[in-house]
PDB file of N, CA and C in Angstrom:
ATOM      1  N   MET A   1      17.185 -13.470  25.967  1.00  0.00           N
ATOM      2  CA  MET A   1      17.624 -14.095  24.734  1.00  0.00           C
ATOM      3  C   MET A   1      17.818 -13.034  23.657  1.00  0.00           C
ATOM      4  N   GLY A   2      18.869 -13.171  22.892  1.00  0.00           N
ATOM      5  CA  GLY A   2      19.112 -12.266  21.785  1.00  0.00           C
ATOM      6  C   GLY A   2      18.246 -12.615  20.588  1.00  0.00           C
ATOM      7  N   ALA A   3      18.397 -11.830  19.535  1.00  0.00           N
ATOM      8  CA  ALA A   3      17.611 -12.066  18.321  1.00  0.00           C
ATOM      9  C   ALA A   3      18.406 -11.645  17.099  1.00  0.00           C
ATOM     10  N   LEU A   4      18.129 -12.306  15.995  1.00  0.00           N
ATOM     11  CA  LEU A   4      18.710 -11.945  14.709  1.00  0.00           C
ATOM     12  C   LEU A   4      17.617 -11.469  13.781  1.00  0.00           C
ATOM     13  N   TRP A   5      17.870 -10.358  13.125  1.00  0.00           N
ATOM     14  CA  TRP A   5      17.002  -9.777  12.099  1.00  0.00           C
ATOM     15  C   TRP A   5      17.654 -10.197  10.796  1.00  0.00           C
ATOM     16  N   ILE A   6      16.971 -10.987   9.994  1.00  0.00           N
ATOM     17  CA  ILE A   6      17.544 -11.564   8.786  1.00  0.00           C
ATOM     18  C   ILE A   6      16.725 -11.100   7.581  1.00  0.00           C
ATOM     19  N   ALA A   7      17.403 -10.449   6.654  1.00  0.00           N
ATOM     20  CA  ALA A   7      16.733  -9.941   5.453  1.00  0.00           C
ATOM     21  C   ALA A   7      17.394 -10.523   4.215  1.00  0.00           C
ATOM     22  N   HIS A   8      16.567 -10.952   3.268  1.00  0.00           N
ATOM     23  CA  HIS A   8      17.021 -11.415   1.958  1.00  0.00           C
ATOM     24  C   HIS A   8      16.396 -10.464   0.944  1.00  0.00           C
ATOM     25  N   VAL A   9      17.241  -9.832   0.111  1.00  0.00           N
ATOM     26  CA  VAL A   9      16.771  -8.700  -0.694  1.00  0.00           C
ATOM     27  C   VAL A   9      17.250  -8.779  -2.143  1.00  0.00           C
ATOM     28  N   THR A  10      16.357  -8.439  -3.053  1.00  0.00           N
ATOM     29  CA  THR A  10      16.711  -8.153  -4.437  1.00  0.00           C
ATOM     30  C   THR A  10      16.328  -6.700  -4.677  1.00  0.00           C
ATOM     31  N   VAL A  11      17.316  -5.865  -4.899  1.00  0.00           N
ATOM     32  CA  VAL A  11      17.081  -4.430  -5.116  1.00  0.00           C
ATOM     33  C   VAL A  11      16.660  -4.217  -6.569  1.00  0.00           C
ATOM     34  N   THR A  12      15.580  -3.470  -6.755  1.00  0.00           N
ATOM     35  CA  THR A  12      15.082  -3.174  -8.108  1.00  0.00           C
ATOM     36  C   THR A  12      15.227  -1.695  -8.472  1.00  0.00           C
ATOM     37  N   ASP A  13      15.482  -0.841  -7.479  1.00  0.00           N
ATOM     38  CA  ASP A  13      15.688   0.594  -7.698  1.00  0.00           C
ATOM     39  C   ASP A  13      16.803   1.033  -6.755  1.00  0.00           C
ATOM     40  N   GLU A  14      18.030   1.088  -7.275  1.00  0.00           N
ATOM     41  CA  GLU A  14      19.212   1.398  -6.462  1.00  0.00           C
ATOM     42  C   GLU A  14      19.109   2.749  -5.755  1.00  0.00           C
ATOM     43  N   GLU A  15      18.626   3.762  -6.448  1.00  0.00           N
ATOM     44  CA  GLU A  15      18.561   5.107  -5.863  1.00  0.00           C
ATOM     45  C   GLU A  15      17.622   5.149  -4.660  1.00  0.00           C
ATOM     46  N   ALA A  16      16.422   4.632  -4.825  1.00  0.00           N
ATOM     47  CA  ALA A  16      15.458   4.627  -3.722  1.00  0.00           C
ATOM     48  C   ALA A  16      15.940   3.740  -2.581  1.00  0.00           C
ATOM     49  N   TYR A  17      16.523   2.596  -2.916  1.00  0.00           N
ATOM     50  CA  TYR A  17      16.985   1.691  -1.869  1.00  0.00           C
ATOM     51  C   TYR A  17      18.169   2.298  -1.110  1.00  0.00           C
ATOM     52  N   GLY A  18      18.948   3.103  -1.794  1.00  0.00           N
ATOM     53  CA  GLY A  18      20.040   3.814  -1.123  1.00  0.00           C
ATOM     54  C   GLY A  18      19.513   4.750  -0.043  1.00  0.00           C
ATOM     55  N   LYS A  19      18.385   5.400  -0.310  1.00  0.00           N
ATOM     56  CA  LYS A  19      17.751   6.267   0.701  1.00  0.00           C
ATOM     57  C   LYS A  19      17.293   5.431   1.888  1.00  0.00           C
ATOM     58  N   TYR A  20      16.730   4.251   1.607  1.00  0.00           N
ATOM     59  CA  TYR A  20      16.334   3.335   2.680  1.00  0.00           C
ATOM     60  C   TYR A  20      17.552   2.994   3.546  1.00  0.00           C
ATOM     61  N   ALA A  21      18.637   2.579   2.908  1.00  0.00           N
ATOM     62  CA  ALA A  21      19.825   2.137   3.646  1.00  0.00           C
ATOM     63  C   ALA A  21      20.393   3.243   4.538  1.00  0.00           C
ATOM     64  N   LYS A  22      20.391   4.491   4.041  1.00  0.00           N
ATOM     65  CA  LYS A  22      20.901   5.609   4.842  1.00  0.00           C
ATOM     66  C   LYS A  22      20.101   5.806   6.124  1.00  0.00           C
ATOM     67  N   LEU A  23      18.792   5.618   6.047  1.00  0.00           N
ATOM     68  CA  LEU A  23      17.926   5.827   7.205  1.00  0.00           C
ATOM     69  C   LEU A  23      17.791   4.584   8.080  1.00  0.00           C
ATOM     70  N   ALA A  24      17.864   3.409   7.480  1.00  0.00           N
ATOM     71  CA  ALA A  24      17.648   2.169   8.227  1.00  0.00           C
ATOM     72  C   ALA A  24      18.767   1.908   9.235  1.00  0.00           C
ATOM     73  N   GLY A  25      20.010   2.152   8.847  1.00  0.00           N
ATOM     74  CA  GLY A  25      21.138   1.892   9.753  1.00  0.00           C
ATOM     75  C   GLY A  25      21.004   2.610  11.086  1.00  0.00           C
ATOM     76  N   PRO A  26      20.801   3.915  11.081  1.00  0.00           N
ATOM     77  CA  PRO A  26      20.627   4.629  12.351  1.00  0.00           C
ATOM     78  C   PRO A  26      19.393   4.166  13.138  1.00  0.00           C
ATOM     79  N   ALA A  27      18.304   3.832  12.452  1.00  0.00           N
ATOM     80  CA  ALA A  27      17.097   3.360  13.141  1.00  0.00           C
ATOM     81  C   ALA A  27      17.382   2.033  13.841  1.00  0.00           C
ATOM     82  N   ILE A  28      18.090   1.155  13.168  1.00  0.00           N
ATOM     83  CA  ILE A  28      18.441  -0.143  13.749  1.00  0.00           C
ATOM     84  C   ILE A  28      19.365   0.050  14.944  1.00  0.00           C
ATOM     85  N   ALA A  29      20.374   0.899  14.809  1.00  0.00           N
ATOM     86  CA  ALA A  29      21.298   1.159  15.920  1.00  0.00           C
ATOM     87  C   ALA A  29      20.582   1.765  17.116  1.00  0.00           C
ATOM     88  N   LYS A  30      19.632   2.645  16.877  1.00  0.00           N
ATOM     89  CA  LYS A  30      18.877   3.293  17.958  1.00  0.00           C
ATOM     90  C   LYS A  30      18.159   2.272  18.833  1.00  0.00           C
ATOM     91  N   HIS A  31      17.806   1.134  18.252  1.00  0.00           N
ATOM     92  CA  HIS A  31      17.076   0.098  18.986  1.00  0.00           C
ATOM     93  C   HIS A  31      17.976  -1.043  19.428  1.00  0.00           C
ATOM     94  N   GLY A  32      19.273  -0.793  19.467  1.00  0.00           N
ATOM     95  CA  GLY A  32      20.221  -1.786  19.969  1.00  0.00           C
ATOM     96  C   GLY A  32      20.692  -2.789  18.942  1.00  0.00           C
ATOM     97  N   GLY A  33      20.353  -2.563  17.673  1.00  0.00           N
ATOM     98  CA  GLY A  33      20.766  -3.482  16.617  1.00  0.00           C
ATOM     99  C   GLY A  33      22.177  -3.199  16.150  1.00  0.00           C
ATOM    100  N   GLU A  34      22.859  -4.262  15.767  1.00  0.00           N
ATOM    101  CA  GLU A  34      24.239  -4.169  15.271  1.00  0.00           C
ATOM    102  C   GLU A  34      24.366  -5.106  14.075  1.00  0.00           C
ATOM    103  N   PHE A  35      24.833  -4.584  12.946  1.00  0.00           N
ATOM    104  CA  PHE A  35      24.990  -5.421  11.760  1.00  0.00           C
ATOM    105  C   PHE A  35      26.130  -6.407  11.968  1.00  0.00           C
ATOM    106  N   ILE A  36      25.868  -7.683  11.633  1.00  0.00           N
ATOM    107  CA  ILE A  36      26.933  -8.686  11.688  1.00  0.00           C
ATOM    108  C   ILE A  36      27.219  -9.274  10.308  1.00  0.00           C
ATOM    109  N   ALA A  37      26.332  -9.058   9.351  1.00  0.00           N
ATOM    110  CA  ALA A  37      26.562  -9.444   7.955  1.00  0.00           C
ATOM    111  C   ALA A  37      25.760  -8.488   7.084  1.00  0.00           C
ATOM    112  N   ARG A  38      26.414  -8.003   6.037  1.00  0.00           N
ATOM    113  CA  ARG A  38      25.763  -7.000   5.196  1.00  0.00           C
ATOM    114  C   ARG A  38      26.252  -7.126   3.759  1.00  0.00           C
ATOM    115  N   ALA A  39      25.469  -7.822   2.939  1.00  0.00           N
ATOM    116  CA  ALA A  39      25.742  -7.922   1.501  1.00  0.00           C
ATOM    117  C   ALA A  39      27.084  -8.558   1.183  1.00  0.00           C
ATOM    118  N   GLY A  40      27.575  -9.435   2.055  1.00  0.00           N
ATOM    119  CA  GLY A  40      28.841 -10.113   1.806  1.00  0.00           C
ATOM    120  C   GLY A  40      28.669 -11.348   0.945  1.00  0.00           C
ATOM    121  N   LYS A  41      29.763 -12.039   0.753  1.00  0.00           N
ATOM    122  CA  LYS A  41      29.777 -13.286  -0.012  1.00  0.00           C
ATOM    123  C   LYS A  41      28.845 -14.293   0.653  1.00  0.00           C
ATOM    124  N   PHE A  42      28.100 -15.036  -0.162  1.00  0.00           N
ATOM    125  CA  PHE A  42      27.213 -16.057   0.383  1.00  0.00           C
ATOM    126  C   PHE A  42      27.135 -17.228  -0.587  1.00  0.00           C
ATOM    127  N   VAL A  43      26.684 -18.349  -0.076  1.00  0.00           N
ATOM    128  CA  VAL A  43      26.456 -19.538  -0.879  1.00  0.00           C
ATOM    129  C   VAL A  43      25.010 -19.957  -0.636  1.00  0.00           C
ATOM    130  N   GLN A  44      24.189 -19.919  -1.668  1.00  0.00           N
ATOM    131  CA  GLN A  44      22.786 -20.308  -1.549  1.00  0.00           C
ATOM    132  C   GLN A  44      22.705 -21.820  -1.665  1.00  0.00           C
ATOM    133  N   LEU A  45      22.236 -22.476  -0.616  1.00  0.00           N
ATOM    134  CA  LEU A  45      22.129 -23.930  -0.624  1.00  0.00           C
ATOM    135  C   LEU A  45      20.716 -24.415  -0.919  1.00  0.00           C
ATOM    136  N   GLU A  46      19.711 -23.665  -0.501  1.00  0.00           N
ATOM    137  CA  GLU A  46      18.316 -24.031  -0.750  1.00  0.00           C
ATOM    138  C   GLU A  46      17.491 -22.759  -0.878  1.00  0.00           C
ATOM    139  N   GLY A  47      16.322 -22.889  -1.489  1.00  0.00           N
ATOM    140  CA  GLY A  47      15.385 -21.775  -1.555  1.00  0.00           C
ATOM    141  C   GLY A  47      15.738 -20.739  -2.599  1.00  0.00           C
ATOM    142  N   LYS A  48      14.970 -19.653  -2.569  1.00  0.00           N
ATOM    143  CA  LYS A  48      15.126 -18.568  -3.535  1.00  0.00           C
ATOM    144  C   LYS A  48      16.356 -17.733  -3.218  1.00  0.00           C
ATOM    145  N   GLU A  49      17.190 -17.544  -4.204  1.00  0.00           N
ATOM    146  CA  GLU A  49      18.396 -16.748  -4.014  1.00  0.00           C
ATOM    147  C   GLU A  49      18.082 -15.266  -4.131  1.00  0.00           C
ATOM    148  N   ARG A  50      18.574 -14.484  -3.187  1.00  0.00           N
ATOM    149  CA  ARG A  50      18.513 -13.023  -3.224  1.00  0.00           C
ATOM    150  C   ARG A  50      19.957 -12.536  -3.171  1.00  0.00           C
ATOM    151  N   PRO A  51      20.327 -11.570  -4.010  1.00  0.00           N
ATOM    152  CA  PRO A  51      21.726 -11.144  -4.066  1.00  0.00           C
ATOM    153  C   PRO A  51      22.214 -10.355  -2.853  1.00  0.00           C
ATOM    154  N   ARG A  52      21.308  -9.833  -2.034  1.00  0.00           N
ATOM    155  CA  ARG A  52      21.721  -9.050  -0.854  1.00  0.00           C
ATOM    156  C   ARG A  52      21.114  -9.710   0.381  1.00  0.00           C
ATOM    157  N   ASN A  53      21.973 -10.028   1.324  1.00  0.00           N
ATOM    158  CA  ASN A  53      21.548 -10.667   2.568  1.00  0.00           C
ATOM    159  C   ASN A  53      22.130  -9.890   3.734  1.00  0.00           C
ATOM    160  N   VAL A  54      21.280  -9.590   4.703  1.00  0.00           N
ATOM    161  CA  VAL A  54      21.684  -8.754   5.829  1.00  0.00           C
ATOM    162  C   VAL A  54      21.254  -9.432   7.123  1.00  0.00           C
ATOM    163  N   VAL A  55      22.171  -9.436   8.102  1.00  0.00           N
ATOM    164  CA  VAL A  55      21.854  -9.967   9.428  1.00  0.00           C
ATOM    165  C   VAL A  55      22.261  -8.916  10.454  1.00  0.00           C
ATOM    166  N   ALA A  56      21.321  -8.579  11.336  1.00  0.00           N
ATOM    167  CA  ALA A  56      21.604  -7.661  12.444  1.00  0.00           C
ATOM    168  C   ALA A  56      21.272  -8.387  13.739  1.00  0.00           C
ATOM    169  N   LYS A  57      22.077  -8.131  14.740  1.00  0.00           N
ATOM    170  CA  LYS A  57      21.873  -8.733  16.056  1.00  0.00           C
ATOM    171  C   LYS A  57      21.206  -7.710  16.962  1.00  0.00           C
ATOM    172  N   PHE A  58      20.159  -8.128  17.671  1.00  0.00           N
ATOM    173  CA  PHE A  58      19.440  -7.285  18.626  1.00  0.00           C
ATOM    174  C   PHE A  58      19.479  -7.942  20.000  1.00  0.00           C
ATOM    175  N   PRO A  59      19.288  -7.155  21.057  1.00  0.00           N
ATOM    176  CA  PRO A  59      19.319  -7.746  22.400  1.00  0.00           C
ATOM    177  C   PRO A  59      18.152  -8.702  22.664  1.00  0.00           C
ATOM    178  N   THR A  60      17.000  -8.455  22.037  1.00  0.00           N
ATOM    179  CA  THR A  60      15.820  -9.300  22.248  1.00  0.00           C
ATOM    180  C   THR A  60      14.948  -9.294  20.987  1.00  0.00           C
ATOM    181  N   VAL A  61      14.053 -10.263  20.897  1.00  0.00           N
ATOM    182  CA  VAL A  61      13.072 -10.275  19.812  1.00  0.00           C
ATOM    183  C   VAL A  61      12.215  -9.019  19.890  1.00  0.00           C
ATOM    184  N   ASP A  62      11.792  -8.664  21.109  1.00  0.00           N
ATOM    185  CA  ASP A  62      10.953  -7.469  21.272  1.00  0.00           C
ATOM    186  C   ASP A  62      11.653  -6.210  20.758  1.00  0.00           C
ATOM    187  N   ALA A  63      12.959  -6.086  21.014  1.00  0.00           N
ATOM    188  CA  ALA A  63      13.699  -4.910  20.530  1.00  0.00           C
ATOM    189  C   ALA A  63      13.714  -4.866  19.008  1.00  0.00           C
ATOM    190  N   ALA A  64      13.880  -6.016  18.375  1.00  0.00           N
ATOM    191  CA  ALA A  64      13.904  -6.069  16.916  1.00  0.00           C
ATOM    192  C   ALA A  64      12.540  -5.718  16.328  1.00  0.00           C
ATOM    193  N   VAL A  65      11.483  -6.249  16.916  1.00  0.00           N
ATOM    194  CA  VAL A  65      10.130  -5.974  16.422  1.00  0.00           C
ATOM    195  C   VAL A  65       9.756  -4.510  16.685  1.00  0.00           C
ATOM    196  N   THR A  66      10.137  -3.996  17.845  1.00  0.00           N
ATOM    197  CA  THR A  66       9.888  -2.584  18.155  1.00  0.00           C
ATOM    198  C   THR A  66      10.605  -1.697  17.147  1.00  0.00           C
ATOM    199  N   CYS A  67      11.842  -2.056  16.796  1.00  0.00           N
ATOM    200  CA  CYS A  67      12.585  -1.301  15.786  1.00  0.00           C
ATOM    201  C   CYS A  67      11.818  -1.281  14.472  1.00  0.00           C
ATOM    202  N   TYR A  68      11.355  -2.436  14.036  1.00  0.00           N
ATOM    203  CA  TYR A  68      10.626  -2.522  12.767  1.00  0.00           C
ATOM    204  C   TYR A  68       9.428  -1.581  12.746  1.00  0.00           C
ATOM    205  N   HIS A  69       8.696  -1.515  13.840  1.00  0.00           N
ATOM    206  CA  HIS A  69       7.476  -0.699  13.895  1.00  0.00           C
ATOM    207  C   HIS A  69       7.736   0.761  14.283  1.00  0.00           C
ATOM    208  N   SER A  70       8.987   1.102  14.584  1.00  0.00           N
ATOM    209  CA  SER A  70       9.308   2.466  15.008  1.00  0.00           C
ATOM    210  C   SER A  70       9.102   3.461  13.873  1.00  0.00           C
ATOM    211  N   PRO A  71       8.791   4.713  14.221  1.00  0.00           N
ATOM    212  CA  PRO A  71       8.648   5.740  13.178  1.00  0.00           C
ATOM    213  C   PRO A  71       9.907   5.904  12.325  1.00  0.00           C
ATOM    214  N   GLU A  72      11.082   5.775  12.948  1.00  0.00           N
ATOM    215  CA  GLU A  72      12.341   5.944  12.216  1.00  0.00           C
ATOM    216  C   GLU A  72      12.507   4.852  11.153  1.00  0.00           C
ATOM    217  N   TYR A  73      12.243   3.612  11.547  1.00  0.00           N
ATOM    218  CA  TYR A  73      12.412   2.524  10.583  1.00  0.00           C
ATOM    219  C   TYR A  73      11.308   2.564   9.525  1.00  0.00           C
ATOM    220  N   GLN A  74      10.097   2.893   9.908  1.00  0.00           N
ATOM    221  CA  GLN A  74       9.003   2.979   8.936  1.00  0.00           C
ATOM    222  C   GLN A  74       9.281   4.063   7.897  1.00  0.00           C
ATOM    223  N   GLU A  75       9.906   5.161   8.320  1.00  0.00           N
ATOM    224  CA  GLU A  75      10.314   6.204   7.368  1.00  0.00           C
ATOM    225  C   GLU A  75      11.323   5.621   6.375  1.00  0.00           C
ATOM    226  N   ALA A  76      12.311   4.882   6.881  1.00  0.00           N
ATOM    227  CA  ALA A  76      13.294   4.238   6.003  1.00  0.00           C
ATOM    228  C   ALA A  76      12.589   3.270   5.056  1.00  0.00           C
ATOM    229  N   LEU A  77      11.699   2.461   5.598  1.00  0.00           N
ATOM    230  CA  LEU A  77      11.010   1.437   4.825  1.00  0.00           C
ATOM    231  C   LEU A  77      10.167   2.032   3.702  1.00  0.00           C
ATOM    232  N   SER A  78       9.692   3.246   3.882  1.00  0.00           N
ATOM    233  CA  SER A  78       8.897   3.880   2.832  1.00  0.00           C
ATOM    234  C   SER A  78       9.701   4.026   1.534  1.00  0.00           C
ATOM    235  N   HIS A  79      11.028   4.078   1.632  1.00  0.00           N
ATOM    236  CA  HIS A  79      11.886   4.176   0.455  1.00  0.00           C
ATOM    237  C   HIS A  79      12.163   2.803  -0.159  1.00  0.00           C
ATOM    238  N   ALA A  80      12.074   1.753   0.646  1.00  0.00           N
ATOM    239  CA  ALA A  80      12.336   0.401   0.145  1.00  0.00           C
ATOM    240  C   ALA A  80      11.127  -0.191  -0.569  1.00  0.00           C
ATOM    241  N   ARG A  81       9.945   0.217  -0.153  1.00  0.00           N
ATOM    242  CA  ARG A  81       8.730  -0.309  -0.802  1.00  0.00           C
ATOM    243  C   ARG A  81       8.729   0.081  -2.272  1.00  0.00           C
ATOM    244  N   GLY A  82       8.588  -0.893  -3.127  1.00  0.00           N
ATOM    245  CA  GLY A  82       8.630  -0.638  -4.561  1.00  0.00           C
ATOM    246  C   GLY A  82      10.040  -0.564  -5.119  1.00  0.00           C
ATOM    247  N   ALA A  83      11.054  -0.585  -4.242  1.00  0.00           N
ATOM    248  CA  ALA A  83      12.446  -0.507  -4.682  1.00  0.00           C
ATOM    249  C   ALA A  83      13.192  -1.818  -4.463  1.00  0.00           C
ATOM    250  N   ALA A  84      12.483  -2.806  -3.888  1.00  0.00           N
ATOM    251  CA  ALA A  84      13.128  -4.083  -3.606  1.00  0.00           C
ATOM    252  C   ALA A  84      12.078  -5.157  -3.372  1.00  0.00           C
ATOM    253  N   GLU A  85      12.481  -6.384  -3.624  1.00  0.00           N
ATOM    254  CA  GLU A  85      11.718  -7.551  -3.213  1.00  0.00           C
ATOM    255  C   GLU A  85      12.460  -8.098  -2.006  1.00  0.00           C
ATOM    256  N   ARG A  86      11.749  -8.310  -0.888  1.00  0.00           N
ATOM    257  CA  ARG A  86      12.448  -8.685   0.342  1.00  0.00           C
ATOM    258  C   ARG A  86      11.655  -9.688   1.165  1.00  0.00           C
ATOM    259  N   GLU A  87      12.401 -10.439   1.922  1.00  0.00           N
ATOM    260  CA  GLU A  87      11.851 -11.225   3.012  1.00  0.00           C
ATOM    261  C   GLU A  87      12.609 -10.778   4.251  1.00  0.00           C
ATOM    262  N   LEU A  88      11.889 -10.638   5.351  1.00  0.00           N
ATOM    263  CA  LEU A  88      12.511 -10.201   6.602  1.00  0.00           C
ATOM    264  C   LEU A  88      11.914 -11.023   7.730  1.00  0.00           C
ATOM    265  N   MET A  89      12.777 -11.521   8.597  1.00  0.00           N
ATOM    266  CA  MET A  89      12.315 -12.278   9.746  1.00  0.00           C
ATOM    267  C   MET A  89      13.179 -11.950  10.949  1.00  0.00           C
ATOM    268  N   VAL A  90      12.619 -12.187  12.130  1.00  0.00           N
ATOM    269  CA  VAL A  90      13.359 -12.064  13.372  1.00  0.00           C
ATOM    270  C   VAL A  90      13.361 -13.444  14.016  1.00  0.00           C
ATOM    271  N   VAL A  91      14.547 -13.907  14.417  1.00  0.00           N
ATOM    272  CA  VAL A  91      14.713 -15.232  14.990  1.00  0.00           C
ATOM    273  C   VAL A  91      15.407 -15.101  16.342  1.00  0.00           C
ATOM    274  N   GLU A  92      14.826 -15.701  17.372  1.00  0.00           N
ATOM    275  CA  GLU A  92      15.454 -15.696  18.693  1.00  0.00           C
ATOM    276  C   GLU A  92      16.689 -16.574  18.668  1.00  0.00           C
ATOM    277  N   THR A  93      17.769 -16.113  19.287  1.00  0.00           N
ATOM    278  CA  THR A  93      18.985 -16.894  19.381  1.00  0.00           C
ATOM    279  C   THR A  93      18.947 -17.771  20.624  1.00  0.00           C
ATOM    280  N   SER A  94      19.822 -18.728  20.688  1.00  0.00           N
ATOM    281  CA  SER A  94      19.840 -19.646  21.828  1.00  0.00           C
ATOM    282  C   SER A  94      20.771 -19.161  22.934  1.00  0.00           C
ATOM    283  N   GLU A  95      21.335 -17.982  22.768  1.00  0.00           N
ATOM    284  CA  GLU A  95      22.243 -17.428  23.800  1.00  0.00           C
ATOM    285  C   GLU A  95      21.472 -16.706  24.874  1.00  0.00           C
TER     286      GLU A  95
END
């Protein structure tokens, strides 16, 4: 089963978050992740609105979770901490 990594983000420090984004993309790709939505147009229907929404597709839930805990992604994440308010989840797909 595949998996989706879904992030809802409000950036509070553009410079620091830019460093996160530069490192996060390669870390995600290294673990089989592929971006399918990245900060595009959205319509908030319920819940808290975040201006940046990102969805990446992974081959499995385990691959997505392994990516999150990887040294490469944790290095990227060190730049996002304090530079954004975020929610991140991994959801198994039905495919």
